[in-house]
Amino acid sequence: MIIISLDLHGKTHKEAEDEIEASLLSASSVGSFDMTIITGNSDAMKSRVVKVCEKYNFKYAYPVINPGVMNVTYFKL
């Protein structure tokens, strides 16, 4: 499994959404992955992550220990 981190600090919402989509699709083409996406405490950024994840059926979670990140997981069989 590949472990990846994506930091969205300094990105516009549109740039972030494009980068999230490209990163998730690229990683999924290689195989299973666990990606930590650093959103900061921006609900708007988190909603962009959710939008892309739901579009492509990626599983996502909000870790209790750090509300400024989201974890996205994909298992390729």
PDB file of N, CA and C in Angstrom:
ATOM      1  N   MET A   1       0.848  -1.181   0.000  1.00  0.00           N
ATOM      2  CA  MET A   1       0.000   0.000   0.000  1.00  0.00           C
ATOM      3  C   MET A   1       0.890   1.240   0.000  1.00  0.00           C
ATOM      4  N   ILE A   2       0.531   2.200  -0.818  1.00  0.00           N
ATOM      5  CA  ILE A   2       1.248   3.469  -0.907  1.00  0.00           C
ATOM      6  C   ILE A   2       0.684   4.417   0.153  1.00  0.00           C
ATOM      7  N   ILE A   3       1.563   5.157   0.819  1.00  0.00           N
ATOM      8  CA  ILE A   3       1.146   6.176   1.780  1.00  0.00           C
ATOM      9  C   ILE A   3       1.546   7.530   1.221  1.00  0.00           C
ATOM     10  N   ILE A   4       0.573   8.422   1.099  1.00  0.00           N
ATOM     11  CA  ILE A   4       0.771   9.705   0.437  1.00  0.00           C
ATOM     12  C   ILE A   4       0.236  10.827   1.318  1.00  0.00           C
ATOM     13  N   SER A   5       0.835  12.006   1.180  1.00  0.00           N
ATOM     14  CA  SER A   5       0.341  13.192   1.876  1.00  0.00           C
ATOM     15  C   SER A   5       0.154  14.309   0.853  1.00  0.00           C
ATOM     16  N   LEU A   6      -0.927  15.040   0.988  1.00  0.00           N
ATOM     17  CA  LEU A   6      -1.227  16.159   0.095  1.00  0.00           C
ATOM     18  C   LEU A   6      -1.582  17.369   0.948  1.00  0.00           C
ATOM     19  N   ASP A   7      -0.823  18.452   0.809  1.00  0.00           N
ATOM     20  CA  ASP A   7      -1.039  19.670   1.595  1.00  0.00           C
ATOM     21  C   ASP A   7      -1.738  20.707   0.725  1.00  0.00           C
ATOM     22  N   LEU A   8      -2.913  21.162   1.159  1.00  0.00           N
ATOM     23  CA  LEU A   8      -3.703  22.120   0.372  1.00  0.00           C
ATOM     24  C   LEU A   8      -3.495  23.573   0.806  1.00  0.00           C
ATOM     25  N   HIS A   9      -2.643  23.795   1.791  1.00  0.00           N
ATOM     26  CA  HIS A   9      -2.390  25.175   2.228  1.00  0.00           C
ATOM     27  C   HIS A   9      -1.911  26.027   1.054  1.00  0.00           C
ATOM     28  N   GLY A  10      -2.433  27.232   0.941  1.00  0.00           N
ATOM     29  CA  GLY A  10      -2.034  28.163  -0.104  1.00  0.00           C
ATOM     30  C   GLY A  10      -2.743  27.967  -1.431  1.00  0.00           C
ATOM     31  N   LYS A  11      -3.600  26.974  -1.527  1.00  0.00           N
ATOM     32  CA  LYS A  11      -4.335  26.711  -2.771  1.00  0.00           C
ATOM     33  C   LYS A  11      -5.696  27.392  -2.731  1.00  0.00           C
ATOM     34  N   THR A  12      -6.168  27.832  -3.889  1.00  0.00           N
ATOM     35  CA  THR A  12      -7.551  28.289  -3.966  1.00  0.00           C
ATOM     36  C   THR A  12      -8.434  27.047  -3.902  1.00  0.00           C
ATOM     37  N   HIS A  13      -9.713  27.240  -3.676  1.00  0.00           N
ATOM     38  CA  HIS A  13     -10.619  26.091  -3.610  1.00  0.00           C
ATOM     39  C   HIS A  13     -10.630  25.326  -4.929  1.00  0.00           C
ATOM     40  N   LYS A  14     -10.607  26.019  -6.029  1.00  0.00           N
ATOM     41  CA  LYS A  14     -10.605  25.374  -7.348  1.00  0.00           C
ATOM     42  C   LYS A  14      -9.296  24.619  -7.579  1.00  0.00           C
ATOM     43  N   GLU A  15      -8.168  25.257  -7.252  1.00  0.00           N
ATOM     44  CA  GLU A  15      -6.872  24.581  -7.394  1.00  0.00           C
ATOM     45  C   GLU A  15      -6.830  23.323  -6.528  1.00  0.00           C
ATOM     46  N   ALA A  16      -7.339  23.450  -5.310  1.00  0.00           N
ATOM     47  CA  ALA A  16      -7.344  22.318  -4.380  1.00  0.00           C
ATOM     48  C   ALA A  16      -8.178  21.173  -4.938  1.00  0.00           C
ATOM     49  N   GLU A  17      -9.355  21.482  -5.429  1.00  0.00           N
ATOM     50  CA  GLU A  17     -10.228  20.423  -5.966  1.00  0.00           C
ATOM     51  C   GLU A  17      -9.567  19.718  -7.145  1.00  0.00           C
ATOM     52  N   ASP A  18      -8.954  20.489  -8.028  1.00  0.00           N
ATOM     53  CA  ASP A  18      -8.254  19.890  -9.177  1.00  0.00           C
ATOM     54  C   ASP A  18      -7.102  18.999  -8.717  1.00  0.00           C
ATOM     55  N   GLU A  19      -6.339  19.472  -7.730  1.00  0.00           N
ATOM     56  CA  GLU A  19      -5.203  18.697  -7.238  1.00  0.00           C
ATOM     57  C   GLU A  19      -5.655  17.447  -6.485  1.00  0.00           C
ATOM     58  N   ILE A  20      -6.717  17.558  -5.722  1.00  0.00           N
ATOM     59  CA  ILE A  20      -7.268  16.393  -5.015  1.00  0.00           C
ATOM     60  C   ILE A  20      -7.665  15.326  -6.028  1.00  0.00           C
ATOM     61  N   GLU A  21      -8.435  15.722  -7.029  1.00  0.00           N
ATOM     62  CA  GLU A  21      -8.906  14.773  -8.032  1.00  0.00           C
ATOM     63  C   GLU A  21      -7.740  14.122  -8.762  1.00  0.00           C
ATOM     64  N   ALA A  22      -6.778  14.925  -9.219  1.00  0.00           N
ATOM     65  CA  ALA A  22      -5.632  14.379  -9.952  1.00  0.00           C
ATOM     66  C   ALA A  22      -4.812  13.435  -9.080  1.00  0.00           C
ATOM     67  N   SER A  23      -4.590  13.810  -7.835  1.00  0.00           N
ATOM     68  CA  SER A  23      -3.779  12.986  -6.931  1.00  0.00           C
ATOM     69  C   SER A  23      -4.462  11.661  -6.605  1.00  0.00           C
ATOM     70  N   LEU A  24      -5.756  11.710  -6.325  1.00  0.00           N
ATOM     71  CA  LEU A  24      -6.484  10.483  -5.997  1.00  0.00           C
ATOM     72  C   LEU A  24      -6.559   9.543  -7.195  1.00  0.00           C
ATOM     73  N   LEU A  25      -6.837  10.075  -8.357  1.00  0.00           N
ATOM     74  CA  LEU A  25      -6.935   9.222  -9.545  1.00  0.00           C
ATOM     75  C   LEU A  25      -5.576   8.637  -9.926  1.00  0.00           C
ATOM     76  N   SER A  26      -4.532   9.443  -9.800  1.00  0.00           N
ATOM     77  CA  SER A  26      -3.187   8.961 -10.101  1.00  0.00           C
ATOM     78  C   SER A  26      -2.788   7.840  -9.145  1.00  0.00           C
ATOM     79  N   ALA A  27      -3.021   8.046  -7.862  1.00  0.00           N
ATOM     80  CA  ALA A  27      -2.674   7.032  -6.861  1.00  0.00           C
ATOM     81  C   ALA A  27      -3.476   5.758  -7.068  1.00  0.00           C
ATOM     82  N   SER A  28      -4.757   5.891  -7.395  1.00  0.00           N
ATOM     83  CA  SER A  28      -5.600   4.698  -7.557  1.00  0.00           C
ATOM     84  C   SER A  28      -5.218   3.899  -8.798  1.00  0.00           C
ATOM     85  N   SER A  29      -4.617   4.542  -9.780  1.00  0.00           N
ATOM     86  CA  SER A  29      -4.207   3.814 -10.982  1.00  0.00           C
ATOM     87  C   SER A  29      -3.000   2.918 -10.705  1.00  0.00           C
ATOM     88  N   VAL A  30      -2.249   3.236  -9.654  1.00  0.00           N
ATOM     89  CA  VAL A  30      -1.074   2.445  -9.285  1.00  0.00           C
ATOM     90  C   VAL A  30      -1.460   1.270  -8.392  1.00  0.00           C
ATOM     91  N   GLY A  31      -2.408   1.506  -7.484  1.00  0.00           N
ATOM     92  CA  GLY A  31      -2.830   0.446  -6.577  1.00  0.00           C
ATOM     93  C   GLY A  31      -3.467   1.010  -5.326  1.00  0.00           C
ATOM     94  N   SER A  32      -3.457   0.211  -4.261  1.00  0.00           N
ATOM     95  CA  SER A  32      -4.050   0.627  -2.989  1.00  0.00           C
ATOM     96  C   SER A  32      -3.243   1.766  -2.391  1.00  0.00           C
ATOM     97  N   PHE A  33      -3.941   2.669  -1.697  1.00  0.00           N
ATOM     98  CA  PHE A  33      -3.240   3.785  -1.068  1.00  0.00           C
ATOM     99  C   PHE A  33      -3.974   4.274   0.166  1.00  0.00           C
ATOM    100  N   ASP A  34      -3.239   4.987   0.980  1.00  0.00           N
ATOM    101  CA  ASP A  34      -3.773   5.714   2.127  1.00  0.00           C
ATOM    102  C   ASP A  34      -3.216   7.125   2.004  1.00  0.00           C
ATOM    103  N   MET A  35      -4.090   8.098   1.795  1.00  0.00           N
ATOM    104  CA  MET A  35      -3.657   9.476   1.590  1.00  0.00           C
ATOM    105  C   MET A  35      -4.143  10.365   2.725  1.00  0.00           C
ATOM    106  N   THR A  36      -3.232  11.124   3.292  1.00  0.00           N
ATOM    107  CA  THR A  36      -3.575  12.144   4.277  1.00  0.00           C
ATOM    108  C   THR A  36      -3.634  13.469   3.532  1.00  0.00           C
ATOM    109  N   ILE A  37      -4.791  14.110   3.571  1.00  0.00           N
ATOM    110  CA  ILE A  37      -4.965  15.406   2.909  1.00  0.00           C
ATOM    111  C   ILE A  37      -5.060  16.474   3.984  1.00  0.00           C
ATOM    112  N   ILE A  38      -4.121  17.410   3.943  1.00  0.00           N
ATOM    113  CA  ILE A  38      -4.066  18.484   4.932  1.00  0.00           C
ATOM    114  C   ILE A  38      -4.943  19.624   4.430  1.00  0.00           C
ATOM    115  N   THR A  39      -6.053  19.833   5.126  1.00  0.00           N
ATOM    116  CA  THR A  39      -7.030  20.847   4.728  1.00  0.00           C
ATOM    117  C   THR A  39      -6.956  22.091   5.605  1.00  0.00           C
ATOM    118  N   GLY A  40      -6.272  21.999   6.727  1.00  0.00           N
ATOM    119  CA  GLY A  40      -6.387  23.052   7.726  1.00  0.00           C
ATOM    120  C   GLY A  40      -7.780  22.943   8.319  1.00  0.00           C
ATOM    121  N   ASN A  41      -8.222  23.973   8.969  1.00  0.00           N
ATOM    122  CA  ASN A  41      -9.553  23.926   9.594  1.00  0.00           C
ATOM    123  C   ASN A  41     -10.631  24.509   8.688  1.00  0.00           C
ATOM    124  N   SER A  42     -10.407  24.454   7.397  1.00  0.00           N
ATOM    125  CA  SER A  42     -11.336  25.012   6.422  1.00  0.00           C
ATOM    126  C   SER A  42     -12.429  24.011   6.062  1.00  0.00           C
ATOM    127  N   ASP A  43     -13.649  24.334   6.439  1.00  0.00           N
ATOM    128  CA  ASP A  43     -14.780  23.480   6.059  1.00  0.00           C
ATOM    129  C   ASP A  43     -14.967  23.442   4.552  1.00  0.00           C
ATOM    130  N   ALA A  44     -14.639  24.550   3.880  1.00  0.00           N
ATOM    131  CA  ALA A  44     -14.770  24.601   2.421  1.00  0.00           C
ATOM    132  C   ALA A  44     -13.799  23.620   1.757  1.00  0.00           C
ATOM    133  N   MET A  45     -12.568  23.540   2.271  1.00  0.00           N
ATOM    134  CA  MET A  45     -11.591  22.601   1.717  1.00  0.00           C
ATOM    135  C   MET A  45     -12.032  21.166   1.987  1.00  0.00           C
ATOM    136  N   LYS A  46     -12.532  20.916   3.186  1.00  0.00           N
ATOM    137  CA  LYS A  46     -13.004  19.573   3.517  1.00  0.00           C
ATOM    138  C   LYS A  46     -14.150  19.162   2.605  1.00  0.00           C
ATOM    139  N   SER A  47     -15.032  20.106   2.300  1.00  0.00           N
ATOM    140  CA  SER A  47     -16.159  19.782   1.419  1.00  0.00           C
ATOM    141  C   SER A  47     -15.679  19.453   0.006  1.00  0.00           C
ATOM    142  N   ARG A  48     -14.579  20.063  -0.420  1.00  0.00           N
ATOM    143  CA  ARG A  48     -14.011  19.734  -1.735  1.00  0.00           C
ATOM    144  C   ARG A  48     -13.477  18.301  -1.749  1.00  0.00           C
ATOM    145  N   VAL A  49     -12.826  17.906  -0.667  1.00  0.00           N
ATOM    146  CA  VAL A  49     -12.321  16.532  -0.557  1.00  0.00           C
ATOM    147  C   VAL A  49     -13.491  15.551  -0.609  1.00  0.00           C
ATOM    148  N   VAL A  50     -14.525  15.830   0.161  1.00  0.00           N
ATOM    149  CA  VAL A  50     -15.705  14.959   0.201  1.00  0.00           C
ATOM    150  C   VAL A  50     -16.335  14.859  -1.184  1.00  0.00           C
ATOM    151  N   LYS A  51     -16.452  15.981  -1.869  1.00  0.00           N
ATOM    152  CA  LYS A  51     -17.064  16.006  -3.206  1.00  0.00           C
ATOM    153  C   LYS A  51     -16.328  15.060  -4.161  1.00  0.00           C
ATOM    154  N   VAL A  52     -15.002  15.161  -4.185  1.00  0.00           N
ATOM    155  CA  VAL A  52     -14.217  14.314  -5.086  1.00  0.00           C
ATOM    156  C   VAL A  52     -14.301  12.850  -4.648  1.00  0.00           C
ATOM    157  N   CYS A  53     -14.188  12.607  -3.354  1.00  0.00           N
ATOM    158  CA  CYS A  53     -14.251  11.228  -2.848  1.00  0.00           C
ATOM    159  C   CYS A  53     -15.582  10.564  -3.194  1.00  0.00           C
ATOM    160  N   GLU A  54     -16.661  11.285  -3.022  1.00  0.00           N
ATOM    161  CA  GLU A  54     -17.975  10.715  -3.329  1.00  0.00           C
ATOM    162  C   GLU A  54     -18.165  10.502  -4.825  1.00  0.00           C
ATOM    163  N   LYS A  55     -17.586  11.382  -5.626  1.00  0.00           N
ATOM    164  CA  LYS A  55     -17.683  11.243  -7.081  1.00  0.00           C
ATOM    165  C   LYS A  55     -17.044   9.936  -7.558  1.00  0.00           C
ATOM    166  N   TYR A  56     -15.919   9.557  -6.929  1.00  0.00           N
ATOM    167  CA  TYR A  56     -15.174   8.373  -7.365  1.00  0.00           C
ATOM    168  C   TYR A  56     -15.250   7.205  -6.369  1.00  0.00           C
ATOM    169  N   ASN A  57     -16.098   7.311  -5.372  1.00  0.00           N
ATOM    170  CA  ASN A  57     -16.297   6.252  -4.370  1.00  0.00           C
ATOM    171  C   ASN A  57     -15.048   5.915  -3.557  1.00  0.00           C
ATOM    172  N   PHE A  58     -14.241   6.931  -3.243  1.00  0.00           N
ATOM    173  CA  PHE A  58     -13.121   6.744  -2.324  1.00  0.00           C
ATOM    174  C   PHE A  58     -13.656   6.855  -0.900  1.00  0.00           C
ATOM    175  N   LYS A  59     -13.103   6.060  -0.006  1.00  0.00           N
ATOM    176  CA  LYS A  59     -13.488   6.109   1.411  1.00  0.00           C
ATOM    177  C   LYS A  59     -12.692   7.210   2.105  1.00  0.00           C
ATOM    178  N   TYR A  60     -13.365   7.994   2.941  1.00  0.00           N
ATOM    179  CA  TYR A  60     -12.683   9.080   3.647  1.00  0.00           C
ATOM    180  C   TYR A  60     -13.113   9.106   5.107  1.00  0.00           C
ATOM    181  N   ALA A  61     -12.263   9.700   5.930  1.00  0.00           N
ATOM    182  CA  ALA A  61     -12.546   9.786   7.362  1.00  0.00           C
ATOM    183  C   ALA A  61     -11.902  11.049   7.923  1.00  0.00           C
ATOM    184  N   TYR A  62     -12.471  11.511   9.024  1.00  0.00           N
ATOM    185  CA  TYR A  62     -11.947  12.665   9.753  1.00  0.00           C
ATOM    186  C   TYR A  62     -11.301  12.146  11.037  1.00  0.00           C
ATOM    187  N   PRO A  63      -9.975  12.165  11.146  1.00  0.00           N
ATOM    188  CA  PRO A  63      -9.362  11.673  12.369  1.00  0.00           C
ATOM    189  C   PRO A  63      -9.676  12.582  13.556  1.00  0.00           C
ATOM    190  N   VAL A  64     -10.029  11.992  14.667  1.00  0.00           N
ATOM    191  CA  VAL A  64     -10.383  12.748  15.867  1.00  0.00           C
ATOM    192  C   VAL A  64      -9.177  13.515  16.395  1.00  0.00           C
ATOM    193  N   ILE A  65      -8.013  12.927  16.262  1.00  0.00           N
ATOM    194  CA  ILE A  65      -6.807  13.504  16.852  1.00  0.00           C
ATOM    195  C   ILE A  65      -6.361  14.801  16.148  1.00  0.00           C
ATOM    196  N   ASN A  66      -6.707  14.981  14.856  1.00  0.00           N
ATOM    197  CA  ASN A  66      -6.282  16.173  14.113  1.00  0.00           C
ATOM    198  C   ASN A  66      -7.389  16.615  13.165  1.00  0.00           C
ATOM    199  N   PRO A  67      -8.179  17.606  13.552  1.00  0.00           N
ATOM    200  CA  PRO A  67      -9.294  18.047  12.704  1.00  0.00           C
ATOM    201  C   PRO A  67      -8.858  18.798  11.437  1.00  0.00           C
ATOM    202  N   GLY A  68      -7.569  19.050  11.278  1.00  0.00           N
ATOM    203  CA  GLY A  68      -7.079  19.764  10.101  1.00  0.00           C
ATOM    204  C   GLY A  68      -6.664  18.856   8.967  1.00  0.00           C
ATOM    205  N   VAL A  69      -6.961  17.565   9.085  1.00  0.00           N
ATOM    206  CA  VAL A  69      -6.632  16.627   8.015  1.00  0.00           C
ATOM    207  C   VAL A  69      -7.808  15.699   7.742  1.00  0.00           C
ATOM    208  N   MET A  70      -7.755  15.072   6.591  1.00  0.00           N
ATOM    209  CA  MET A  70      -8.701  14.012   6.238  1.00  0.00           C
ATOM    210  C   MET A  70      -7.893  12.844   5.700  1.00  0.00           C
ATOM    211  N   ASN A  71      -8.359  11.645   5.969  1.00  0.00           N
ATOM    212  CA  ASN A  71      -7.713  10.441   5.446  1.00  0.00           C
ATOM    213  C   ASN A  71      -8.590   9.840   4.357  1.00  0.00           C
ATOM    214  N   VAL A  72      -7.960   9.516   3.233  1.00  0.00           N
ATOM    215  CA  VAL A  72      -8.660   8.883   2.123  1.00  0.00           C
ATOM    216  C   VAL A  72      -7.977   7.554   1.857  1.00  0.00           C
ATOM    217  N   THR A  73      -8.782   6.503   1.737  1.00  0.00           N
ATOM    218  CA  THR A  73      -8.241   5.165   1.551  1.00  0.00           C
ATOM    219  C   THR A  73      -8.876   4.499   0.341  1.00  0.00           C
ATOM    220  N   TYR A  74      -8.043   3.759  -0.381  1.00  0.00           N
ATOM    221  CA  TYR A  74      -8.512   2.998  -1.534  1.00  0.00           C
ATOM    222  C   TYR A  74      -7.818   1.644  -1.533  1.00  0.00           C
ATOM    223  N   PHE A  75      -8.591   0.586  -1.639  1.00  0.00           N
ATOM    224  CA  PHE A  75      -8.042  -0.758  -1.715  1.00  0.00           C
ATOM    225  C   PHE A  75      -8.333  -1.337  -3.095  1.00  0.00           C
ATOM    226  N   LYS A  76      -7.280  -1.643  -3.812  1.00  0.00           N
ATOM    227  CA  LYS A  76      -7.420  -2.241  -5.141  1.00  0.00           C
ATOM    228  C   LYS A  76      -7.246  -3.739  -4.999  1.00  0.00           C
ATOM    229  N   LEU A  77      -8.231  -4.472  -5.450  1.00  0.00           N
ATOM    230  CA  LEU A  77      -8.161  -5.928  -5.351  1.00  0.00           C
ATOM    231  C   LEU A  77      -7.412  -6.528  -6.512  1.00  0.00           C
TER     232      LEU A  77
END
